[in-house]
Amino acid sequence: MMAAQIRRLVARVAAVVSEMNYAQRRLTILRAAPDRYLLNGNEAPSTYHEFLARTSGPMLHEPPASQRRPLGSSQ
């Protein structure tokens, strides 16, 4: 009984650490995005070159919907 509770606790802690790692990586990418430093960053790019410059940074791979787990699940 005690071992099962410890395993569940370790799994929850691992899930929290994983989520914090994801959030930190995502925040770093968003902070370094070129759109953040533009005067009119909410507007669409006016040229194709500007579009390419804005999207030149590393893109974070999002898993397909079939592989995502619902928010709040601890599995």
N, C-alpha and C. Protein backbone atom coordinates (compact mmCIF):
# COMPACT_ATOMS: atom_id res chain seq x y z
N MET A 1 0.83 -1.19 0.00
CA MET A 1 0.00 0.00 0.00
C MET A 1 0.88 1.26 0.00
N MET A 2 1.87 1.29 0.85
CA MET A 2 2.73 2.47 0.94
C MET A 2 3.53 2.66 -0.35
N ALA A 3 3.98 1.59 -0.98
CA ALA A 3 4.75 1.69 -2.22
C ALA A 3 3.90 2.28 -3.34
N ALA A 4 2.65 1.91 -3.41
CA ALA A 4 1.76 2.44 -4.44
C ALA A 4 1.55 3.94 -4.26
N GLN A 5 1.41 4.38 -3.04
CA GLN A 5 1.24 5.81 -2.77
C GLN A 5 2.50 6.59 -3.14
N ILE A 6 3.64 6.01 -2.84
CA ILE A 6 4.91 6.67 -3.18
C ILE A 6 5.06 6.76 -4.68
N ARG A 7 4.71 5.69 -5.41
CA ARG A 7 4.79 5.71 -6.87
C ARG A 7 3.88 6.79 -7.45
N ARG A 8 2.66 6.91 -6.93
CA ARG A 8 1.74 7.94 -7.41
C ARG A 8 2.29 9.35 -7.14
N LEU A 9 2.87 9.53 -5.96
CA LEU A 9 3.45 10.82 -5.61
C LEU A 9 4.61 11.16 -6.54
N VAL A 10 5.48 10.19 -6.78
CA VAL A 10 6.61 10.41 -7.68
C VAL A 10 6.11 10.72 -9.09
N ALA A 11 5.09 10.04 -9.55
CA ALA A 11 4.53 10.30 -10.87
C ALA A 11 3.96 11.71 -10.96
N ARG A 12 3.28 12.16 -9.91
CA ARG A 12 2.73 13.52 -9.91
C ARG A 12 3.84 14.57 -9.91
N VAL A 13 4.87 14.34 -9.11
CA VAL A 13 6.00 15.27 -9.07
C VAL A 13 6.67 15.32 -10.44
N ALA A 14 6.85 14.16 -11.07
CA ALA A 14 7.45 14.12 -12.40
C ALA A 14 6.59 14.86 -13.42
N ALA A 15 5.28 14.74 -13.32
CA ALA A 15 4.39 15.45 -14.23
C ALA A 15 4.48 16.96 -14.04
N VAL A 16 4.58 17.39 -12.79
CA VAL A 16 4.71 18.82 -12.51
C VAL A 16 6.02 19.36 -13.06
N VAL A 17 7.10 18.63 -12.84
CA VAL A 17 8.41 19.06 -13.35
C VAL A 17 8.39 19.10 -14.88
N SER A 18 7.77 18.12 -15.50
CA SER A 18 7.67 18.10 -16.96
C SER A 18 6.88 19.30 -17.47
N GLU A 19 5.79 19.62 -16.82
CA GLU A 19 4.97 20.77 -17.22
C GLU A 19 5.73 22.08 -17.04
N MET A 20 6.48 22.19 -15.96
CA MET A 20 7.27 23.41 -15.73
C MET A 20 8.38 23.53 -16.78
N ASN A 21 8.98 22.41 -17.16
CA ASN A 21 10.01 22.42 -18.19
C ASN A 21 9.42 22.88 -19.52
N TYR A 22 8.26 22.36 -19.89
CA TYR A 22 7.58 22.77 -21.11
C TYR A 22 7.27 24.27 -21.07
N ALA A 23 6.75 24.75 -19.95
CA ALA A 23 6.39 26.16 -19.83
C ALA A 23 7.62 27.05 -19.94
N GLN A 24 8.72 26.64 -19.35
CA GLN A 24 9.95 27.43 -19.41
C GLN A 24 10.49 27.50 -20.84
N ARG A 25 10.49 26.36 -21.55
CA ARG A 25 10.95 26.36 -22.94
C ARG A 25 10.06 27.24 -23.80
N ARG A 26 8.76 27.14 -23.60
CA ARG A 26 7.81 27.93 -24.39
C ARG A 26 7.98 29.42 -24.12
N LEU A 27 8.17 29.79 -22.86
CA LEU A 27 8.36 31.19 -22.50
C LEU A 27 9.64 31.74 -23.11
N THR A 28 10.69 30.96 -23.11
CA THR A 28 11.95 31.39 -23.72
C THR A 28 11.76 31.65 -25.20
N ILE A 29 11.06 30.77 -25.89
CA ILE A 29 10.81 30.95 -27.32
C ILE A 29 9.96 32.20 -27.56
N LEU A 30 8.95 32.40 -26.76
CA LEU A 30 8.09 33.58 -26.95
C LEU A 30 8.83 34.87 -26.65
N ARG A 31 9.69 34.86 -25.64
CA ARG A 31 10.45 36.07 -25.31
C ARG A 31 11.45 36.43 -26.39
N ALA A 32 11.97 35.44 -27.09
CA ALA A 32 12.97 35.68 -28.12
C ALA A 32 12.35 35.91 -29.50
N ALA A 33 11.04 35.84 -29.61
CA ALA A 33 10.37 35.99 -30.90
C ALA A 33 10.56 37.41 -31.45
N PRO A 34 10.87 37.52 -32.73
CA PRO A 34 11.06 38.85 -33.33
C PRO A 34 9.82 39.74 -33.24
N ASP A 35 8.63 39.18 -33.27
CA ASP A 35 7.40 39.98 -33.17
C ASP A 35 7.33 40.78 -31.88
N ARG A 36 7.97 40.32 -30.85
CA ARG A 36 7.91 41.01 -29.57
C ARG A 36 8.60 42.37 -29.64
N TYR A 37 9.56 42.52 -30.52
CA TYR A 37 10.36 43.74 -30.57
C TYR A 37 9.95 44.68 -31.71
N LEU A 38 8.84 44.41 -32.37
CA LEU A 38 8.35 45.27 -33.44
C LEU A 38 7.43 46.34 -32.87
N LEU A 39 7.39 47.47 -33.56
CA LEU A 39 6.49 48.54 -33.11
C LEU A 39 5.03 48.15 -33.31
N ASN A 40 4.73 47.51 -34.43
CA ASN A 40 3.36 47.08 -34.73
C ASN A 40 3.34 45.56 -34.89
N GLY A 41 3.70 44.86 -33.85
CA GLY A 41 3.80 43.41 -33.92
C GLY A 41 2.50 42.68 -34.11
N ASN A 42 1.39 43.33 -33.82
CA ASN A 42 0.09 42.69 -33.99
C ASN A 42 -0.42 42.74 -35.42
N GLU A 43 0.25 43.53 -36.26
CA GLU A 43 -0.17 43.64 -37.65
C GLU A 43 0.49 42.55 -38.48
N ALA A 44 -0.16 42.21 -39.58
CA ALA A 44 0.39 41.20 -40.48
C ALA A 44 1.65 41.76 -41.15
N PRO A 45 2.59 40.90 -41.49
CA PRO A 45 3.79 41.37 -42.19
C PRO A 45 3.41 41.95 -43.56
N SER A 46 4.12 42.99 -43.96
CA SER A 46 3.77 43.65 -45.23
C SER A 46 4.44 43.00 -46.43
N THR A 47 5.51 42.28 -46.22
CA THR A 47 6.19 41.61 -47.33
C THR A 47 6.46 40.15 -46.97
N TYR A 48 6.74 39.37 -47.98
CA TYR A 48 7.08 37.96 -47.76
C TYR A 48 8.40 37.86 -46.99
N HIS A 49 9.34 38.74 -47.28
CA HIS A 49 10.62 38.73 -46.57
C HIS A 49 10.41 38.98 -45.07
N GLU A 50 9.54 39.92 -44.74
CA GLU A 50 9.24 40.20 -43.34
C GLU A 50 8.57 38.98 -42.67
N PHE A 51 7.71 38.31 -43.41
CA PHE A 51 7.07 37.10 -42.89
C PHE A 51 8.12 36.05 -42.56
N LEU A 52 9.07 35.83 -43.48
CA LEU A 52 10.12 34.85 -43.24
C LEU A 52 11.00 35.25 -42.06
N ALA A 53 11.27 36.53 -41.91
CA ALA A 53 12.11 36.99 -40.81
C ALA A 53 11.42 36.76 -39.46
N ARG A 54 10.12 36.93 -39.42
CA ARG A 54 9.39 36.74 -38.16
C ARG A 54 9.30 35.27 -37.77
N THR A 55 9.27 34.39 -38.74
CA THR A 55 9.11 32.96 -38.43
C THR A 55 10.42 32.19 -38.53
N SER A 56 11.54 32.88 -38.49
CA SER A 56 12.81 32.21 -38.67
C SER A 56 13.30 31.51 -37.40
N GLY A 57 12.74 31.83 -36.27
CA GLY A 57 13.17 31.21 -35.02
C GLY A 57 12.75 29.77 -34.92
N PRO A 58 13.25 29.08 -33.89
CA PRO A 58 12.88 27.67 -33.72
C PRO A 58 11.41 27.52 -33.35
N MET A 59 10.75 26.62 -34.02
CA MET A 59 9.35 26.36 -33.74
C MET A 59 9.25 25.18 -32.78
N LEU A 60 8.38 25.29 -31.82
CA LEU A 60 8.17 24.24 -30.85
C LEU A 60 7.23 23.20 -31.45
N HIS A 61 7.65 21.95 -31.45
CA HIS A 61 6.83 20.89 -32.01
C HIS A 61 5.66 20.59 -31.08
N GLU A 62 4.48 20.70 -31.59
CA GLU A 62 3.28 20.36 -30.84
C GLU A 62 2.85 18.95 -31.25
N PRO A 63 2.58 18.07 -30.29
CA PRO A 63 2.14 16.73 -30.66
C PRO A 63 0.74 16.76 -31.27
N PRO A 64 0.42 15.78 -32.10
CA PRO A 64 -0.93 15.73 -32.67
C PRO A 64 -1.98 15.55 -31.57
N ALA A 65 -3.18 15.94 -31.86
CA ALA A 65 -4.26 15.89 -30.87
C ALA A 65 -4.47 14.48 -30.33
N SER A 66 -4.25 13.47 -31.15
CA SER A 66 -4.46 12.10 -30.69
C SER A 66 -3.44 11.69 -29.63
N GLN A 67 -2.31 12.38 -29.57
CA GLN A 67 -1.27 12.02 -28.60
C GLN A 67 -1.24 12.94 -27.39
N ARG A 68 -2.03 14.01 -27.43
CA ARG A 68 -2.07 14.91 -26.28
C ARG A 68 -2.97 14.34 -25.21
N ARG A 69 -2.63 14.65 -23.98
CA ARG A 69 -3.51 14.23 -22.89
C ARG A 69 -4.28 15.46 -22.41
N PRO A 70 -5.43 15.26 -21.86
CA PRO A 70 -6.23 16.40 -21.39
C PRO A 70 -5.51 17.14 -20.27
N LEU A 71 -5.73 18.44 -20.19
CA LEU A 71 -5.14 19.23 -19.12
C LEU A 71 -5.63 18.71 -17.77
N GLY A 72 -4.72 18.65 -16.83
CA GLY A 72 -5.09 18.22 -15.48
C GLY A 72 -5.01 16.72 -15.27
N SER A 73 -4.76 15.95 -16.32
CA SER A 73 -4.66 14.50 -16.12
C SER A 73 -3.27 14.19 -15.56
N SER A 74 -3.19 13.22 -14.69
CA SER A 74 -1.93 12.93 -14.01
C SER A 74 -1.28 11.67 -14.55
N GLN A 75 -1.63 11.24 -15.73
CA GLN A 75 -1.03 10.02 -16.29
C GLN A 75 0.10 10.32 -17.20
